[in-house]
């Protein structure tokens, strides 16, 4: 069986850029994602499309790893889509009932 070596595929197995939510401003309906190279990009709650685990911008959390896609808006380059992932441990297992590593 041939291994999938697509150079565009992320470590999570999809084609989204990877980053971490660093700031959320619910009063302004905006947030910031730090990219893998350290750049900070903003998104608007009203304009971002959510896919994955989060169903609302209120489901997003600071320090959460996300996939994202970019697009040009009237305010310049912005995050237009955010993909959230299941909350699993490093070994792929779900956290135990206490929320502590096993």
Protein backbone atom coordinates (compact mmCIF):
# COMPACT_ATOMS: atom_id res chain seq x y z
CA UNK A 1 0.00 0.00 0.00
CA UNK A 2 1.46 3.39 -1.00
CA UNK A 3 1.82 5.99 1.73
CA UNK A 4 -0.03 9.29 1.27
CA UNK A 5 2.75 11.88 0.89
CA UNK A 6 0.81 14.89 -0.39
CA UNK A 7 3.03 17.89 0.47
CA UNK A 8 -0.02 20.12 0.93
CA UNK A 9 -1.64 17.89 3.55
CA UNK A 10 -1.32 19.12 7.15
CA UNK A 11 -0.14 16.99 10.06
CA UNK A 12 -3.83 16.55 10.95
CA UNK A 13 -4.51 14.93 7.58
CA UNK A 14 -6.47 17.76 5.96
CA UNK A 15 -5.59 20.69 3.72
CA UNK A 16 -6.11 23.56 6.18
CA UNK A 17 -3.32 25.83 7.39
CA UNK A 18 -2.65 25.14 11.08
CA UNK A 19 -2.62 27.70 13.89
CA UNK A 20 -3.60 28.46 17.47
CA UNK A 21 -6.28 30.86 18.69
CA UNK A 22 -4.39 33.44 20.76
CA UNK A 23 -7.08 36.04 21.45
CA UNK A 24 -10.87 36.22 21.50
CA UNK A 25 -12.78 39.49 21.82
CA UNK A 26 -16.47 38.59 22.24
CA UNK A 27 -17.42 42.24 22.80
CA UNK A 28 -16.01 43.09 19.34
CA UNK A 29 -16.96 39.74 17.75
CA UNK A 30 -13.36 39.16 16.63
CA UNK A 31 -10.47 36.84 17.34
CA UNK A 32 -6.83 36.23 16.43
CA UNK A 33 -5.07 33.08 15.22
CA UNK A 34 -1.27 32.71 15.33
CA UNK A 35 -0.01 30.89 12.26
CA UNK A 36 2.72 28.25 12.26
CA UNK A 37 5.25 30.94 11.26
CA UNK A 38 4.17 33.30 14.06
CA UNK A 39 2.02 35.75 12.08
CA UNK A 40 -1.22 36.85 13.73
CA UNK A 41 -4.34 36.92 11.58
CA UNK A 42 -7.75 38.19 12.61
CA UNK A 43 -11.22 36.85 12.02
CA UNK A 44 -14.71 38.20 12.54
CA UNK A 45 -17.36 36.08 14.22
CA UNK A 46 -19.92 37.27 11.65
CA UNK A 47 -17.79 36.47 8.61
CA UNK A 48 -15.98 33.26 9.55
CA UNK A 49 -17.36 29.86 8.53
CA UNK A 50 -16.97 27.23 11.25
CA UNK A 51 -16.47 23.56 10.44
CA UNK A 52 -15.63 20.66 12.71
CA UNK A 53 -16.45 20.46 16.41
CA UNK A 54 -17.34 24.15 17.06
CA UNK A 55 -20.86 25.10 16.06
CA UNK A 56 -20.66 28.74 17.21
CA UNK A 57 -17.85 31.26 17.81
CA UNK A 58 -18.69 30.89 21.51
CA UNK A 59 -17.35 27.30 21.26
CA UNK A 60 -13.85 28.61 20.39
CA UNK A 61 -11.18 28.82 23.10
CA UNK A 62 -7.83 30.57 23.53
CA UNK A 63 -4.87 28.16 23.04
CA UNK A 64 -7.03 25.85 20.90
CA UNK A 65 -5.33 24.41 17.82
CA UNK A 66 -7.37 25.03 14.67
CA UNK A 67 -7.19 24.69 10.92
CA UNK A 68 -7.96 27.82 8.92
CA UNK A 69 -8.39 29.15 5.41
CA UNK A 70 -7.71 32.68 4.20
CA UNK A 71 -9.53 35.08 1.92
CA UNK A 72 -9.52 38.71 0.90
CA UNK A 73 -12.19 40.89 2.51
CA UNK A 74 -12.85 44.62 2.37
CA UNK A 75 -10.57 44.86 5.44
CA UNK A 76 -7.73 42.94 3.75
CA UNK A 77 -6.49 39.38 4.21
CA UNK A 78 -8.56 37.65 6.90
CA UNK A 79 -9.39 34.17 8.13
CA UNK A 80 -12.57 33.11 6.37
CA UNK A 81 -12.93 29.53 7.65
CA UNK A 82 -11.94 27.85 10.92
CA UNK A 83 -11.91 24.10 11.47
CA UNK A 84 -11.91 22.82 15.03
CA UNK A 85 -10.84 19.32 15.96
CA UNK A 86 -11.97 16.75 18.55
CA UNK A 87 -10.39 17.16 21.97
CA UNK A 88 -8.13 14.09 22.11
CA UNK A 89 -4.90 13.45 23.96
CA UNK A 90 -1.52 13.27 22.23
CA UNK A 91 -1.82 9.48 22.03
CA UNK A 92 -5.21 9.79 20.30
CA UNK A 93 -7.24 8.81 23.36
CA UNK A 94 -9.99 10.90 24.87
CA UNK A 95 -9.27 12.44 28.27
CA UNK A 96 -10.63 10.50 31.24
CA UNK A 97 -13.66 11.67 33.21
CA UNK A 98 -11.52 13.87 35.45
CA UNK A 99 -10.06 15.68 32.43
CA UNK A 100 -6.57 14.64 33.52
CA UNK A 101 -4.06 12.79 31.34
CA UNK A 102 -4.15 9.02 31.82
